[in-house]
Amino acid sequence: METAPAVIHRSWEVVLRHTRRLHPGRMLTTIPEVFIGSELVEAGLLGRGQLRSSEFRRLIHGVYCRADLPRSHELKCRAMALVAPPEAVLTGRSAATIRGADLAKESDRVQMIVTKHRPSIRRDSEAWSVRIHDSECEPWNQIRIATPERTAFDLLRRKPLRMAIADTDVLVRTGVTSKTTIERYLQDCEHLGSGHARYALGLVDPRAESRPESELRVVFWVAGLRPIPQWNLWHNGVFVGRIDLAFPEERLAVEYEGAWHGEPMQFRSDERRRDAIRAAGWTVLVITAEQLYQSPETIVPVVQSLLS
């Protein structure tokens, strides 16, 4: 497969021509945004002490960037592209983030498919040695990136199921791909884990507005409960509010409350909305982040008792 042209890796002739005699303070206008530190030192463009200065920031082992660049996971992926083998393929949360679904934080390891592990990338990557066809990826910087559908597959086949569904909900909700397109891809997919991915895709629902809401929905689905996400409640012709997870027949509203909901203004807004839902004849159950992530096994029995 034809790879993307090298832009910032081992192209020092141009940089040398413009920066060899410049004052270090002016080098920031010509030195590549992301670079292998040892190569610039060997080229005489930087001293080792400069790499440790406030002008630059280390992204991964041996790779640096200008300190004024905004921190992001994509920048970390660009750094990894300089030291990973050219056949490496970004996938999973890393590929999703680059394509616009913000799943990976700056501090997260770069998720990628590689045929051979290199010691230089182990500490900064979550690398999988699995099969991938040329049709399932495309050039990106000096390596490759998985197609949206292959990215979805690599998200779906992972465990735990809650995390896989939540990630894919975001991928579809942001428009990176669609559930229908993923279904078509999985119909002919014979990769290891394709059966699990097909099952997991059946639980994907992009209506969820946050990853925790998706995870909570999966907790219910595994227990045989079928709440409807983001249910618009109307009462006597008046819009009351939107419910995170609703059981309309039983008039039960399940609401997720994350840490940011504890902020005074948001808390008051949530309480007014929930009071209006109660006034419409519904029961409101609030599930906290602590319950979801520390004691999820206690959630289903409470909901089942309210539904009975």
C-alpha atoms as a PDB file:
ATOM      1  CA  MET A   1       0.000   0.000   0.000  1.00  0.00           C
ATOM      2  CA  GLU A   2       1.227   3.491  -0.823  1.00  0.00           C
ATOM      3  CA  THR A   3       2.049   5.393   2.337  1.00  0.00           C
ATOM      4  CA  ALA A   4       1.632   9.060   3.088  1.00  0.00           C
ATOM      5  CA  PRO A   5       4.598  11.270   2.155  1.00  0.00           C
ATOM      6  CA  ALA A   6       7.034  11.971   4.953  1.00  0.00           C
ATOM      7  CA  VAL A   7       6.490  15.457   6.300  1.00  0.00           C
ATOM      8  CA  ILE A   8       8.409  15.707   9.543  1.00  0.00           C
ATOM      9  CA  HIS A   9      10.528  12.565   9.777  1.00  0.00           C
ATOM     10  CA  ARG A  10      14.159  12.516   8.602  1.00  0.00           C
ATOM     11  CA  SER A  11      13.681  15.472   6.244  1.00  0.00           C
ATOM     12  CA  TRP A  12      16.366  17.565   7.812  1.00  0.00           C
ATOM     13  CA  GLU A  13      17.977  18.967   4.628  1.00  0.00           C
ATOM     14  CA  VAL A  14      15.362  21.715   4.423  1.00  0.00           C
ATOM     15  CA  VAL A  15      15.510  22.372   8.139  1.00  0.00           C
ATOM     16  CA  LEU A  16      19.306  22.517   8.081  1.00  0.00           C
ATOM     17  CA  ARG A  17      19.282  25.010   5.239  1.00  0.00           C
ATOM     18  CA  HIS A  18      17.031  27.400   7.171  1.00  0.00           C
ATOM     19  CA  THR A  19      18.128  26.935  10.767  1.00  0.00           C
ATOM     20  CA  ARG A  20      21.763  25.884  11.048  1.00  0.00           C
ATOM     21  CA  ARG A  21      22.958  29.380  11.950  1.00  0.00           C
ATOM     22  CA  LEU A  22      19.809  30.808  13.506  1.00  0.00           C
ATOM     23  CA  HIS A  23      19.618  31.901  17.114  1.00  0.00           C
ATOM     24  CA  PRO A  24      17.915  29.166  19.213  1.00  0.00           C
ATOM     25  CA  GLY A  25      15.068  31.518  20.067  1.00  0.00           C
ATOM     26  CA  ARG A  26      14.154  31.797  16.385  1.00  0.00           C
ATOM     27  CA  MET A  27      14.351  28.086  15.676  1.00  0.00           C
ATOM     28  CA  LEU A  28      10.759  27.534  16.790  1.00  0.00           C
ATOM     29  CA  THR A  29       9.508  28.918  13.461  1.00  0.00           C
ATOM     30  CA  THR A  30      11.273  26.263  11.405  1.00  0.00           C
ATOM     31  CA  ILE A  31      11.801  23.200  13.558  1.00  0.00           C
ATOM     32  CA  PRO A  32       9.043  20.629  12.908  1.00  0.00           C
ATOM     33  CA  GLU A  33       6.148  20.659  15.339  1.00  0.00           C
ATOM     34  CA  VAL A  34       6.852  17.040  16.299  1.00  0.00           C
ATOM     35  CA  PHE A  35      10.322  15.542  16.037  1.00  0.00           C
ATOM     36  CA  ILE A  36      12.710  12.851  17.260  1.00  0.00           C
ATOM     37  CA  GLY A  37      15.003  14.622  19.679  1.00  0.00           C
ATOM     38  CA  SER A  38      18.147  12.644  18.919  1.00  0.00           C
ATOM     39  CA  GLU A  39      17.882  13.416  15.201  1.00  0.00           C
ATOM     40  CA  LEU A  40      17.851  17.175  15.751  1.00  0.00           C
ATOM     41  CA  VAL A  41      20.734  16.884  18.194  1.00  0.00           C
ATOM     42  CA  GLU A  42      22.747  14.822  15.690  1.00  0.00           C
ATOM     43  CA  ALA A  43      21.941  17.354  12.958  1.00  0.00           C
ATOM     44  CA  GLY A  44      23.321  20.127  15.144  1.00  0.00           C
ATOM     45  CA  LEU A  45      20.006  21.963  15.330  1.00  0.00           C
ATOM     46  CA  LEU A  46      19.520  21.557  19.066  1.00  0.00           C
ATOM     47  CA  GLY A  47      21.616  20.869  22.096  1.00  0.00           C
ATOM     48  CA  ARG A  48      20.529  18.155  24.500  1.00  0.00           C
ATOM     49  CA  GLY A  49      19.951  20.779  27.138  1.00  0.00           C
ATOM     50  CA  GLN A  50      17.472  22.566  24.891  1.00  0.00           C
ATOM     51  CA  LEU A  51      15.258  19.477  24.738  1.00  0.00           C
ATOM     52  CA  ARG A  52      14.816  19.796  28.484  1.00  0.00           C
ATOM     53  CA  SER A  53      14.065  23.510  28.285  1.00  0.00           C
ATOM     54  CA  SER A  54      10.684  25.225  28.413  1.00  0.00           C
ATOM     55  CA  GLU A  55      10.727  25.567  24.614  1.00  0.00           C
ATOM     56  CA  PHE A  56       9.884  21.906  24.083  1.00  0.00           C
ATOM     57  CA  ARG A  57       7.723  19.184  25.613  1.00  0.00           C
ATOM     58  CA  ARG A  58       8.278  15.429  25.551  1.00  0.00           C
ATOM     59  CA  LEU A  59       5.336  13.535  24.033  1.00  0.00           C
ATOM     60  CA  ILE A  60       6.608   9.969  24.206  1.00  0.00           C
ATOM     61  CA  HIS A  61      10.008   8.410  24.777  1.00  0.00           C
ATOM     62  CA  GLY A  62      12.461  10.200  22.496  1.00  0.00           C
ATOM     63  CA  VAL A  63       9.896  12.339  20.669  1.00  0.00           C
ATOM     64  CA  TYR A  64       9.216  15.998  21.403  1.00  0.00           C
ATOM     65  CA  CYS A  65       7.081  18.907  20.260  1.00  0.00           C
ATOM     66  CA  ARG A  66       7.062  22.661  20.581  1.00  0.00           C
ATOM     67  CA  ALA A  67       5.811  23.640  24.017  1.00  0.00           C
ATOM     68  CA  ASP A  68       3.264  26.080  22.604  1.00  0.00           C
ATOM     69  CA  LEU A  69       1.253  23.352  20.871  1.00  0.00           C
ATOM     70  CA  PRO A  70      -2.069  22.457  22.566  1.00  0.00           C
ATOM     71  CA  ARG A  71      -2.004  19.163  24.430  1.00  0.00           C
ATOM     72  CA  SER A  72      -3.983  16.417  22.705  1.00  0.00           C
ATOM     73  CA  HIS A  73      -4.054  12.699  22.059  1.00  0.00           C
ATOM     74  CA  GLU A  74      -3.691  13.346  18.335  1.00  0.00           C
ATOM     75  CA  LEU A  75      -0.337  14.999  18.987  1.00  0.00           C
ATOM     76  CA  LYS A  76       0.744  11.872  20.849  1.00  0.00           C
ATOM     77  CA  CYS A  77      -0.327   9.770  17.854  1.00  0.00           C
ATOM     78  CA  ARG A  78       1.763  11.964  15.565  1.00  0.00           C
ATOM     79  CA  ALA A  79       4.716  11.341  17.844  1.00  0.00           C
ATOM     80  CA  MET A  80       4.125   7.600  17.731  1.00  0.00           C
ATOM     81  CA  ALA A  81       4.026   7.726  13.927  1.00  0.00           C
ATOM     82  CA  LEU A  82       7.684   8.793  13.938  1.00  0.00           C
ATOM     83  CA  VAL A  83       8.955   5.714  15.778  1.00  0.00           C
ATOM     84  CA  ALA A  84       6.408   3.010  14.915  1.00  0.00           C
ATOM     85  CA  PRO A  85       7.043   0.693  11.956  1.00  0.00           C
ATOM     86  CA  PRO A  86       5.481   1.992   8.719  1.00  0.00           C
ATOM     87  CA  GLU A  87       3.021  -0.910   8.603  1.00  0.00           C
ATOM     88  CA  ALA A  88       1.568   0.064  12.008  1.00  0.00           C
ATOM     89  CA  VAL A  89      -2.127   0.993  12.009  1.00  0.00           C
ATOM     90  CA  LEU A  90      -3.801   3.360  14.461  1.00  0.00           C
ATOM     91  CA  THR A  91      -7.126   1.963  15.619  1.00  0.00           C
ATOM     92  CA  GLY A  92      -9.508   1.830  18.571  1.00  0.00           C
ATOM     93  CA  ARG A  93      -9.847   4.939  20.697  1.00  0.00           C
ATOM     94  CA  SER A  94      -6.838   6.588  19.073  1.00  0.00           C
ATOM     95  CA  ALA A  95      -8.218   6.306  15.546  1.00  0.00           C
ATOM     96  CA  ALA A  96     -11.670   7.340  16.755  1.00  0.00           C
ATOM     97  CA  THR A  97     -10.246  10.465  18.388  1.00  0.00           C
ATOM     98  CA  ILE A  98      -8.361  11.479  15.262  1.00  0.00           C
ATOM     99  CA  ARG A  99     -11.548  11.068  13.236  1.00  0.00           C
ATOM    100  CA  GLY A 100     -13.537  13.306  15.572  1.00  0.00           C
ATOM    101  CA  ALA A 101     -14.930  11.032  18.308  1.00  0.00           C
ATOM    102  CA  ASP A 102     -13.162  12.247  21.436  1.00  0.00           C
ATOM    103  CA  LEU A 103     -12.508   8.942  23.190  1.00  0.00           C
ATOM    104  CA  ALA A 104      -8.828   9.169  24.147  1.00  0.00           C
ATOM    105  CA  LYS A 105      -7.251  11.567  26.602  1.00  0.00           C
ATOM    106  CA  GLU A 106      -3.812  13.052  26.126  1.00  0.00           C
ATOM    107  CA  SER A 107      -2.386  10.689  28.745  1.00  0.00           C
ATOM    108  CA  ASP A 108      -3.883   7.531  27.207  1.00  0.00           C
ATOM    109  CA  ARG A 109      -1.654   5.081  25.407  1.00  0.00           C
ATOM    110  CA  VAL A 110      -1.822   5.025  21.626  1.00  0.00           C
ATOM    111  CA  GLN A 111      -3.871   2.059  20.415  1.00  0.00           C
ATOM    112  CA  MET A 112      -2.476   0.456  17.301  1.00  0.00           C
ATOM    113  CA  ILE A 113      -2.024  -2.751  15.340  1.00  0.00           C
ATOM    114  CA  VAL A 114       1.567  -3.829  14.719  1.00  0.00           C
ATOM    115  CA  THR A 115       3.116  -6.982  13.327  1.00  0.00           C
ATOM    116  CA  LYS A 116       6.320  -6.551  15.283  1.00  0.00           C
ATOM    117  CA  HIS A 117       6.728  -4.799  18.614  1.00  0.00           C
ATOM    118  CA  ARG A 118       9.545  -2.326  18.989  1.00  0.00           C
ATOM    119  CA  PRO A 119      10.970  -1.610  22.444  1.00  0.00           C
ATOM    120  CA  SER A 120      10.728   2.129  21.720  1.00  0.00           C
ATOM    121  CA  ILE A 121       6.926   2.046  21.449  1.00  0.00           C
ATOM    122  CA  ARG A 122       5.978  -0.421  24.186  1.00  0.00           C
ATOM    123  CA  ARG A 123       5.819   2.067  27.037  1.00  0.00           C
ATOM    124  CA  ASP A 124       3.595   4.520  25.169  1.00  0.00           C
ATOM    125  CA  SER A 125       1.304   2.247  23.160  1.00  0.00           C
ATOM    126  CA  GLU A 126      -1.307  -0.440  23.551  1.00  0.00           C
ATOM    127  CA  ALA A 127      -0.262  -2.519  20.569  1.00  0.00           C
ATOM    128  CA  TRP A 128      -2.129  -5.550  19.233  1.00  0.00           C
ATOM    129  CA  SER A 129      -0.690  -8.138  16.883  1.00  0.00           C
ATOM    130  CA  VAL A 130      -3.798  -9.031  14.869  1.00  0.00           C
ATOM    131  CA  ARG A 131      -4.688  -9.377  11.208  1.00  0.00           C
ATOM    132  CA  ILE A 132      -5.773  -6.357   9.202  1.00  0.00           C
ATOM    133  CA  HIS A 133      -6.340  -6.082   5.448  1.00  0.00           C
ATOM    134  CA  ASP A 134      -5.084  -3.210   3.316  1.00  0.00           C
ATOM    135  CA  SER A 135      -8.704  -2.354   2.539  1.00  0.00           C
ATOM    136  CA  GLU A 136      -9.311  -1.750   6.257  1.00  0.00           C
ATOM    137  CA  CYS A 137      -6.830   1.095   6.617  1.00  0.00           C
ATOM    138  CA  GLU A 138      -5.458   4.143   4.835  1.00  0.00           C
ATOM    139  CA  PRO A 139      -2.311   6.300   5.006  1.00  0.00           C
ATOM    140  CA  TRP A 140      -1.897   8.683   7.925  1.00  0.00           C
ATOM    141  CA  ASN A 141       1.334  10.618   8.442  1.00  0.00           C
ATOM    142  CA  GLN A 142       4.019   7.941   8.050  1.00  0.00           C
ATOM    143  CA  ILE A 143       1.947   5.019   9.267  1.00  0.00           C
ATOM    144  CA  ARG A 144      -1.697   4.071   8.660  1.00  0.00           C
ATOM    145  CA  ILE A 145      -5.069   4.546  10.307  1.00  0.00           C
ATOM    146  CA  ALA A 146      -7.972   2.095  10.423  1.00  0.00           C
ATOM    147  CA  THR A 147     -11.125   2.875   8.484  1.00  0.00           C
ATOM    148  CA  PRO A 148     -14.096   3.988  10.607  1.00  0.00           C
ATOM    149  CA  GLU A 149     -15.684   0.530  10.303  1.00  0.00           C
ATOM    150  CA  ARG A 150     -12.509  -1.315  11.281  1.00  0.00           C
ATOM    151  CA  THR A 151     -12.097   1.149  14.148  1.00  0.00           C
ATOM    152  CA  ALA A 152     -15.616   0.296  15.307  1.00  0.00           C
ATOM    153  CA  PHE A 153     -14.823  -3.416  15.100  1.00  0.00           C
ATOM    154  CA  ASP A 154     -11.707  -3.015  17.234  1.00  0.00           C
ATOM    155  CA  LEU A 155     -13.764  -1.092  19.801  1.00  0.00           C
ATOM    156  CA  LEU A 156     -16.638  -3.590  19.820  1.00  0.00           C
ATOM    157  CA  ARG A 157     -14.603  -6.752  20.207  1.00  0.00           C
ATOM    158  CA  ARG A 158     -12.915  -5.502  23.344  1.00  0.00           C
ATOM    159  CA  LYS A 159     -14.026  -6.182  26.891  1.00  0.00           C
ATOM    160  CA  PRO A 160     -15.645  -5.181  29.165  1.00  0.00           C
ATOM    161  CA  LEU A 161     -18.836  -4.940  27.153  1.00  0.00           C
ATOM    162  CA  ARG A 162     -19.946  -1.735  28.891  1.00  0.00           C
ATOM    163  CA  MET A 163     -16.874   0.104  27.682  1.00  0.00           C
ATOM    164  CA  ALA A 164     -17.103  -1.272  24.147  1.00  0.00           C
ATOM    165  CA  ILE A 165     -20.713  -0.143  23.749  1.00  0.00           C
ATOM    166  CA  ALA A 166     -20.096   3.272  25.285  1.00  0.00           C
ATOM    167  CA  ASP A 167     -17.167   3.923  22.944  1.00  0.00           C
ATOM    168  CA  THR A 168     -19.097   2.846  19.861  1.00  0.00           C
ATOM    169  CA  ASP A 169     -22.126   4.918  20.875  1.00  0.00           C
ATOM    170  CA  VAL A 170     -19.849   7.973  20.734  1.00  0.00           C
ATOM    171  CA  LEU A 171     -18.346   6.892  17.408  1.00  0.00           C
ATOM    172  CA  VAL A 172     -21.790   6.672  15.814  1.00  0.00           C
ATOM    173  CA  ARG A 173     -23.263   9.706  17.591  1.00  0.00           C
ATOM    174  CA  THR A 174     -20.477  11.965  16.298  1.00  0.00           C
ATOM    175  CA  GLY A 175     -21.059  10.766  12.739  1.00  0.00           C
ATOM    176  CA  VAL A 176     -17.708   9.048  12.209  1.00  0.00           C
ATOM    177  CA  THR A 177     -19.662   6.072  10.886  1.00  0.00           C
ATOM    178  CA  SER A 178     -23.168   4.635  11.158  1.00  0.00           C
ATOM    179  CA  LYS A 179     -24.583   1.540  12.755  1.00  0.00           C
ATOM    180  CA  THR A 180     -25.807   0.360   9.345  1.00  0.00           C
ATOM    181  CA  THR A 181     -22.332   0.723   7.835  1.00  0.00           C
ATOM    182  CA  ILE A 182     -20.780  -1.209  10.711  1.00  0.00           C
ATOM    183  CA  GLU A 183     -23.403  -3.946  10.265  1.00  0.00           C
ATOM    184  CA  ARG A 184     -22.479  -4.309   6.590  1.00  0.00           C
ATOM    185  CA  TYR A 185     -18.802  -4.520   7.477  1.00  0.00           C
ATOM    186  CA  LEU A 186     -19.395  -7.182  10.127  1.00  0.00           C
ATOM    187  CA  GLN A 187     -21.524  -9.347   7.819  1.00  0.00           C
ATOM    188  CA  ASP A 188     -18.427 -10.509   5.950  1.00  0.00           C
ATOM    189  CA  CYS A 189     -15.914 -10.029   8.748  1.00  0.00           C
ATOM    190  CA  GLU A 190     -14.007 -13.195   9.651  1.00  0.00           C
ATOM    191  CA  HIS A 191     -11.513 -11.693  12.070  1.00  0.00           C
ATOM    192  CA  LEU A 192     -11.152 -13.153  15.537  1.00  0.00           C
ATOM    193  CA  GLY A 193     -13.795 -11.597  17.758  1.00  0.00           C
ATOM    194  CA  SER A 194     -16.246 -10.813  14.958  1.00  0.00           C
ATOM    195  CA  GLY A 195     -19.022 -12.832  16.631  1.00  0.00           C
ATOM    196  CA  HIS A 196     -18.678 -10.878  19.859  1.00  0.00           C
ATOM    197  CA  ALA A 197     -18.567  -7.626  17.877  1.00  0.00           C
ATOM    198  CA  ARG A 198     -21.826  -8.486  16.087  1.00  0.00           C
ATOM    199  CA  TYR A 199     -23.507  -9.176  19.420  1.00  0.00           C
ATOM    200  CA  ALA A 200     -22.156  -5.965  20.928  1.00  0.00           C
ATOM    201  CA  LEU A 201     -23.293  -3.901  17.945  1.00  0.00           C
ATOM    202  CA  GLY A 202     -26.865  -4.939  18.698  1.00  0.00           C
ATOM    203  CA  LEU A 203     -26.618  -2.964  21.933  1.00  0.00           C
ATOM    204  CA  VAL A 204     -25.254   0.204  20.343  1.00  0.00           C
ATOM    205  CA  ASP A 205     -27.590   3.190  20.571  1.00  0.00           C
ATOM    206  CA  PRO A 206     -26.204   6.633  19.701  1.00  0.00           C
ATOM    207  CA  ARG A 207     -29.065   8.435  21.447  1.00  0.00           C
ATOM    208  CA  ALA A 208     -27.149   8.303  24.728  1.00  0.00           C
ATOM    209  CA  GLU A 209     -25.622  11.699  25.474  1.00  0.00           C
ATOM    210  CA  SER A 210     -22.666  10.490  27.521  1.00  0.00           C
ATOM    211  CA  ARG A 211     -20.497   7.419  27.950  1.00  0.00           C
ATOM    212  CA  PRO A 212     -21.705   6.784  31.539  1.00  0.00           C
ATOM    213  CA  GLU A 213     -25.319   6.822  30.317  1.00  0.00           C
ATOM    214  CA  SER A 214     -24.349   4.223  27.712  1.00  0.00           C
ATOM    215  CA  GLU A 215     -22.647   2.079  30.344  1.00  0.00           C
ATOM    216  CA  LEU A 216     -25.682   2.301  32.613  1.00  0.00           C
ATOM    217  CA  ARG A 217     -27.943   1.237  29.743  1.00  0.00           C
ATOM    218  CA  VAL A 218     -25.741  -1.822  29.137  1.00  0.00           C
ATOM    219  CA  VAL A 219     -26.003  -2.764  32.821  1.00  0.00           C
ATOM    220  CA  PHE A 220     -29.783  -2.877  32.355  1.00  0.00           C
ATOM    221  CA  TRP A 221     -29.666  -4.716  29.013  1.00  0.00           C
ATOM    222  CA  VAL A 222     -27.472  -7.488  30.382  1.00  0.00           C
ATOM    223  CA  ALA A 223     -30.073  -7.948  33.144  1.00  0.00           C
ATOM    224  CA  GLY A 224     -32.889  -8.160  30.593  1.00  0.00           C
ATOM    225  CA  LEU A 225     -34.227  -4.640  31.146  1.00  0.00           C
ATOM    226  CA  ARG A 226     -34.915  -2.373  28.158  1.00  0.00           C
ATOM    227  CA  PRO A 227     -34.930   1.330  29.019  1.00  0.00           C
ATOM    228  CA  ILE A 228     -35.301   3.920  26.268  1.00  0.00           C
ATOM    229  CA  PRO A 229     -32.500   6.503  26.167  1.00  0.00           C
ATOM    230  CA  GLN A 230     -33.205  10.230  26.008  1.00  0.00           C
ATOM    231  CA  TRP A 231     -36.989   9.943  26.270  1.00  0.00           C
ATOM    232  CA  ASN A 232     -38.882  13.187  25.663  1.00  0.00           C
ATOM    233  CA  LEU A 233     -41.623  13.431  28.294  1.00  0.00           C
ATOM    234  CA  TRP A 234     -44.783  15.333  27.441  1.00  0.00           C
ATOM    235  CA  HIS A 235     -47.637  15.862  29.904  1.00  0.00           C
ATOM    236  CA  ASN A 236     -50.989  17.427  28.991  1.00  0.00           C
ATOM    237  CA  GLY A 237     -49.477  18.713  25.756  1.00  0.00           C
ATOM    238  CA  VAL A 238     -46.552  20.395  27.512  1.00  0.00           C
ATOM    239  CA  PHE A 239     -42.921  19.299  27.191  1.00  0.00           C
ATOM    240  CA  VAL A 240     -41.693  18.380  30.664  1.00  0.00           C
ATOM    241  CA  GLY A 241     -38.112  17.324  30.020  1.00  0.00           C
ATOM    242  CA  ARG A 242     -35.790  14.714  28.621  1.00  0.00           C
ATOM    243  CA  ILE A 243     -35.124  11.574  30.655  1.00  0.00           C
ATOM    244  CA  ASP A 244     -31.747   9.810  30.520  1.00  0.00           C
ATOM    245  CA  LEU A 245     -33.234   6.294  30.599  1.00  0.00           C
ATOM    246  CA  ALA A 246     -36.987   5.802  30.666  1.00  0.00           C
ATOM    247  CA  PHE A 247     -39.363   2.921  31.308  1.00  0.00           C
ATOM    248  CA  PRO A 248     -42.497   4.614  29.885  1.00  0.00           C
ATOM    249  CA  GLU A 249     -45.060   1.925  30.718  1.00  0.00           C
ATOM    250  CA  GLU A 250     -44.014   1.869  34.359  1.00  0.00           C
ATOM    251  CA  ARG A 251     -43.386   5.631  34.429  1.00  0.00           C
ATOM    252  CA  LEU A 252     -39.916   5.167  35.840  1.00  0.00           C
ATOM    253  CA  ALA A 253     -37.190   7.684  35.006  1.00  0.00           C
ATOM    254  CA  VAL A 254     -33.583   6.674  35.665  1.00  0.00           C
ATOM    255  CA  GLU A 255     -31.167   9.593  35.751  1.00  0.00           C
ATOM    256  CA  TYR A 256     -27.375   9.450  35.794  1.00  0.00           C
ATOM    257  CA  GLU A 257     -25.629  12.020  37.952  1.00  0.00           C
ATOM    258  CA  GLY A 258     -21.944  12.547  37.267  1.00  0.00           C
ATOM    259  CA  ALA A 259     -19.519  14.723  39.174  1.00  0.00           C
ATOM    260  CA  TRP A 260     -20.298  17.858  37.143  1.00  0.00           C
ATOM    261  CA  HIS A 261     -23.969  17.562  38.046  1.00  0.00           C
ATOM    262  CA  GLY A 262     -22.948  18.479  41.587  1.00  0.00           C
ATOM    263  CA  GLU A 263     -22.135  22.034  40.531  1.00  0.00           C
ATOM    264  CA  PRO A 264     -24.687  24.409  42.126  1.00  0.00           C
ATOM    265  CA  MET A 265     -26.278  25.753  38.939  1.00  0.00           C
ATOM    266  CA  GLN A 266     -26.455  22.341  37.267  1.00  0.00           C
ATOM    267  CA  PHE A 267     -27.773  20.730  40.453  1.00  0.00           C
ATOM    268  CA  ARG A 268     -30.610  23.256  40.719  1.00  0.00           C
ATOM    269  CA  SER A 269     -31.470  22.826  37.041  1.00  0.00           C
ATOM    270  CA  ASP A 270     -31.543  19.026  37.384  1.00  0.00           C
ATOM    271  CA  GLU A 271     -33.725  19.201  40.485  1.00  0.00           C
ATOM    272  CA  ARG A 272     -36.255  21.502  38.821  1.00  0.00           C
ATOM    273  CA  ARG A 273     -36.490  19.158  35.864  1.00  0.00           C
ATOM    274  CA  ARG A 274     -36.841  16.097  38.089  1.00  0.00           C
ATOM    275  CA  ASP A 275     -39.520  17.783  40.186  1.00  0.00           C
ATOM    276  CA  ALA A 276     -41.452  18.436  36.973  1.00  0.00           C
ATOM    277  CA  ILE A 277     -41.079  14.778  35.977  1.00  0.00           C
ATOM    278  CA  ARG A 278     -42.398  13.687  39.373  1.00  0.00           C
ATOM    279  CA  ALA A 279     -45.296  16.122  39.062  1.00  0.00           C
ATOM    280  CA  ALA A 280     -46.199  14.389  35.795  1.00  0.00           C
ATOM    281  CA  GLY A 281     -46.719  11.156  37.741  1.00  0.00           C
ATOM    282  CA  TRP A 282     -43.325   9.532  37.241  1.00  0.00           C
ATOM    283  CA  THR A 283     -40.912   7.998  39.745  1.00  0.00           C
ATOM    284  CA  VAL A 284     -37.359   9.336  39.450  1.00  0.00           C
ATOM    285  CA  LEU A 285     -34.353   7.218  40.415  1.00  0.00           C
ATOM    286  CA  VAL A 286     -30.948   8.912  40.433  1.00  0.00           C
ATOM    287  CA  ILE A 287     -27.862   6.745  39.869  1.00  0.00           C
ATOM    288  CA  THR A 288     -24.567   8.329  40.902  1.00  0.00           C
ATOM    289  CA  ALA A 289     -21.143   7.850  39.363  1.00  0.00           C
ATOM    290  CA  GLU A 290     -20.065   6.128  42.572  1.00  0.00           C
ATOM    291  CA  GLN A 291     -22.834   3.537  42.205  1.00  0.00           C
ATOM    292  CA  LEU A 292     -22.115   2.899  38.523  1.00  0.00           C
ATOM    293  CA  TYR A 293     -18.376   2.453  38.891  1.00  0.00           C
ATOM    294  CA  GLN A 294     -18.007   1.061  42.403  1.00  0.00           C
ATOM    295  CA  SER A 295     -21.143  -0.994  43.063  1.00  0.00           C
ATOM    296  CA  PRO A 296     -23.024  -1.581  39.774  1.00  0.00           C
ATOM    297  CA  GLU A 297     -24.432  -4.859  41.096  1.00  0.00           C
ATOM    298  CA  THR A 298     -26.706  -2.886  43.446  1.00  0.00           C
ATOM    299  CA  ILE A 299     -28.436  -0.946  40.659  1.00  0.00           C
ATOM    300  CA  VAL A 300     -30.521  -3.610  38.900  1.00  0.00           C
ATOM    301  CA  PRO A 301     -32.299  -4.982  42.026  1.00  0.00           C
ATOM    302  CA  VAL A 302     -33.480  -1.474  42.928  1.00  0.00           C
ATOM    303  CA  VAL A 303     -34.837  -0.862  39.432  1.00  0.00           C
ATOM    304  CA  GLN A 304     -36.483  -4.282  39.297  1.00  0.00           C
ATOM    305  CA  SER A 305     -38.283  -3.584  42.571  1.00  0.00           C
ATOM    306  CA  LEU A 306     -39.568  -0.263  41.217  1.00  0.00           C
ATOM    307  CA  LEU A 307     -40.754  -1.903  37.999  1.00  0.00           C
ATOM    308  CA  SER A 308     -42.643  -4.705  39.737  1.00  0.00           C
END
